[in-house]
């Protein structure tokens, strides 16, 4: 008697687990597009951050060189910067 109740409960548990697995499979397949978008966004963010950092460094270096050239020209012309 006890053994038959255990067996019937285990059968019910198996059915519930199979239902749960099928629902989880549906959830995962529906979330796949969201996962792809998240990965694309993460890659875009990483690449844009890198490119912006490289670009700003180049612009800062170019700007520094232009300022130095301008200061050298002023010194050659006899202009003095009193700051």
C-alpha atoms as a PDB file:
ATOM      1  CA  UNK A   1       0.000   0.000   0.000  1.00  0.00           C
ATOM      2  CA  UNK A   2       2.731   2.483   0.990  1.00  0.00           C
ATOM      3  CA  UNK A   3       4.882   1.508  -1.966  1.00  0.00           C
ATOM      4  CA  UNK A   4       2.028   2.092  -4.435  1.00  0.00           C
ATOM      5  CA  UNK A   5       1.436   5.588  -3.022  1.00  0.00           C
ATOM      6  CA  UNK A   6       5.159   6.411  -3.374  1.00  0.00           C
ATOM      7  CA  UNK A   7       5.140   5.169  -6.975  1.00  0.00           C
ATOM      8  CA  UNK A   8       2.047   7.203  -7.878  1.00  0.00           C
ATOM      9  CA  UNK A   9       3.550  10.323  -6.266  1.00  0.00           C
ATOM     10  CA  UNK A  10       6.807   9.826  -8.216  1.00  0.00           C
ATOM     11  CA  UNK A  11       4.814   9.442 -11.457  1.00  0.00           C
ATOM     12  CA  UNK A  12       3.015  12.708 -10.705  1.00  0.00           C
ATOM     13  CA  UNK A  13       6.351  14.355  -9.951  1.00  0.00           C
ATOM     14  CA  UNK A  14       7.742  13.144 -13.298  1.00  0.00           C
ATOM     15  CA  UNK A  15       4.777  14.617 -15.148  1.00  0.00           C
ATOM     16  CA  UNK A  16       5.221  17.948 -13.345  1.00  0.00           C
ATOM     17  CA  UNK A  17       8.955  18.014 -14.093  1.00  0.00           C
ATOM     18  CA  UNK A  18       8.316  17.273 -17.778  1.00  0.00           C
ATOM     19  CA  UNK A  19       5.778  20.117 -17.918  1.00  0.00           C
ATOM     20  CA  UNK A  20       8.265  22.432 -16.211  1.00  0.00           C
ATOM     21  CA  UNK A  21      11.009  21.443 -18.675  1.00  0.00           C
ATOM     22  CA  UNK A  22       8.738  22.136 -21.629  1.00  0.00           C
ATOM     23  CA  UNK A  23       7.788  25.568 -20.248  1.00  0.00           C
ATOM     24  CA  UNK A  24      11.464  26.407 -19.598  1.00  0.00           C
ATOM     25  CA  UNK A  25      12.326  25.394 -23.163  1.00  0.00           C
ATOM     26  CA  UNK A  26       9.654  27.797 -24.465  1.00  0.00           C
ATOM     27  CA  UNK A  27      10.947  30.591 -22.225  1.00  0.00           C
ATOM     28  CA  UNK A  28      14.526  30.055 -23.419  1.00  0.00           C
ATOM     29  CA  UNK A  29      13.527  30.066 -27.084  1.00  0.00           C
ATOM     30  CA  UNK A  30      11.513  33.280 -26.584  1.00  0.00           C
ATOM     31  CA  UNK A  31      14.407  34.945 -24.726  1.00  0.00           C
ATOM     32  CA  UNK A  32      16.929  34.097 -27.445  1.00  0.00           C
ATOM     33  CA  UNK A  33      16.314  37.279 -29.440  1.00  0.00           C
ATOM     34  CA  UNK A  34      16.709  39.366 -26.277  1.00  0.00           C
ATOM     35  CA  UNK A  35      20.000  37.619 -25.540  1.00  0.00           C
ATOM     36  CA  UNK A  36      21.267  38.339 -29.060  1.00  0.00           C
ATOM     37  CA  UNK A  37      20.352  42.014 -28.759  1.00  0.00           C
ATOM     38  CA  UNK A  38      22.051  42.204 -25.357  1.00  0.00           C
ATOM     39  CA  UNK A  39      25.253  40.680 -26.765  1.00  0.00           C
ATOM     40  CA  UNK A  40      25.207  43.043 -29.749  1.00  0.00           C
ATOM     41  CA  UNK A  41      24.680  46.038 -27.458  1.00  0.00           C
ATOM     42  CA  UNK A  42      27.501  44.936 -25.160  1.00  0.00           C
ATOM     43  CA  UNK A  43      29.835  44.571 -28.143  1.00  0.00           C
ATOM     44  CA  UNK A  44      28.770  47.962 -29.534  1.00  0.00           C
ATOM     45  CA  UNK A  45      29.346  49.622 -26.164  1.00  0.00           C
ATOM     46  CA  UNK A  46      32.772  48.037 -25.734  1.00  0.00           C
ATOM     47  CA  UNK A  47      33.849  48.975 -29.290  1.00  0.00           C
ATOM     48  CA  UNK A  48      32.493  52.518 -29.128  1.00  0.00           C
ATOM     49  CA  UNK A  49      34.182  53.121 -25.759  1.00  0.00           C
ATOM     50  CA  UNK A  50      37.493  51.934 -27.183  1.00  0.00           C
ATOM     51  CA  UNK A  51      37.123  53.996 -30.360  1.00  0.00           C
ATOM     52  CA  UNK A  52      36.133  57.126 -28.442  1.00  0.00           C
ATOM     53  CA  UNK A  53      39.083  56.769 -26.106  1.00  0.00           C
ATOM     54  CA  UNK A  54      41.496  56.323 -29.024  1.00  0.00           C
ATOM     55  CA  UNK A  55      39.943  59.186 -30.973  1.00  0.00           C
ATOM     56  CA  UNK A  56      39.990  61.588 -28.017  1.00  0.00           C
ATOM     57  CA  UNK A  57      43.640  60.765 -27.336  1.00  0.00           C
ATOM     58  CA  UNK A  58      44.489  61.504 -30.962  1.00  0.00           C
ATOM     59  CA  UNK A  59      42.564  64.778 -30.880  1.00  0.00           C
ATOM     60  CA  UNK A  60      44.188  65.790 -27.588  1.00  0.00           C
ATOM     61  CA  UNK A  61      47.651  65.032 -28.937  1.00  0.00           C
ATOM     62  CA  UNK A  62      46.967  66.912 -32.179  1.00  0.00           C
ATOM     63  CA  UNK A  63      45.615  69.861 -30.204  1.00  0.00           C
ATOM     64  CA  UNK A  64      48.692  69.891 -27.967  1.00  0.00           C
ATOM     65  CA  UNK A  65      50.985  69.913 -31.003  1.00  0.00           C
ATOM     66  CA  UNK A  66      49.063  72.813 -32.552  1.00  0.00           C
ATOM     67  CA  UNK A  67      49.266  74.777 -29.275  1.00  0.00           C
ATOM     68  CA  UNK A  68      53.009  74.130 -29.032  1.00  0.00           C
ATOM     69  CA  UNK A  69      53.520  75.266 -32.629  1.00  0.00           C
ATOM     70  CA  UNK A  70      51.489  78.411 -31.936  1.00  0.00           C
ATOM     71  CA  UNK A  71      53.552  79.179 -28.824  1.00  0.00           C
ATOM     72  CA  UNK A  72      56.801  78.646 -30.732  1.00  0.00           C
ATOM     73  CA  UNK A  73      55.649  81.077 -33.443  1.00  0.00           C
ATOM     74  CA  UNK A  74      54.761  83.672 -30.801  1.00  0.00           C
ATOM     75  CA  UNK A  75      58.158  83.310 -29.181  1.00  0.00           C
ATOM     76  CA  UNK A  76      59.891  83.700 -32.535  1.00  0.00           C
ATOM     77  CA  UNK A  77      57.865  86.838 -33.213  1.00  0.00           C
ATOM     78  CA  UNK A  78      58.793  88.238 -29.803  1.00  0.00           C
ATOM     79  CA  UNK A  79      55.353  87.942 -28.191  1.00  0.00           C
ATOM     80  CA  UNK A  80      55.508  87.007 -24.517  1.00  0.00           C
ATOM     81  CA  UNK A  81      52.850  85.063 -22.676  1.00  0.00           C
ATOM     82  CA  UNK A  82      52.690  86.462 -19.148  1.00  0.00           C
ATOM     83  CA  UNK A  83      50.321  83.832 -17.745  1.00  0.00           C
END
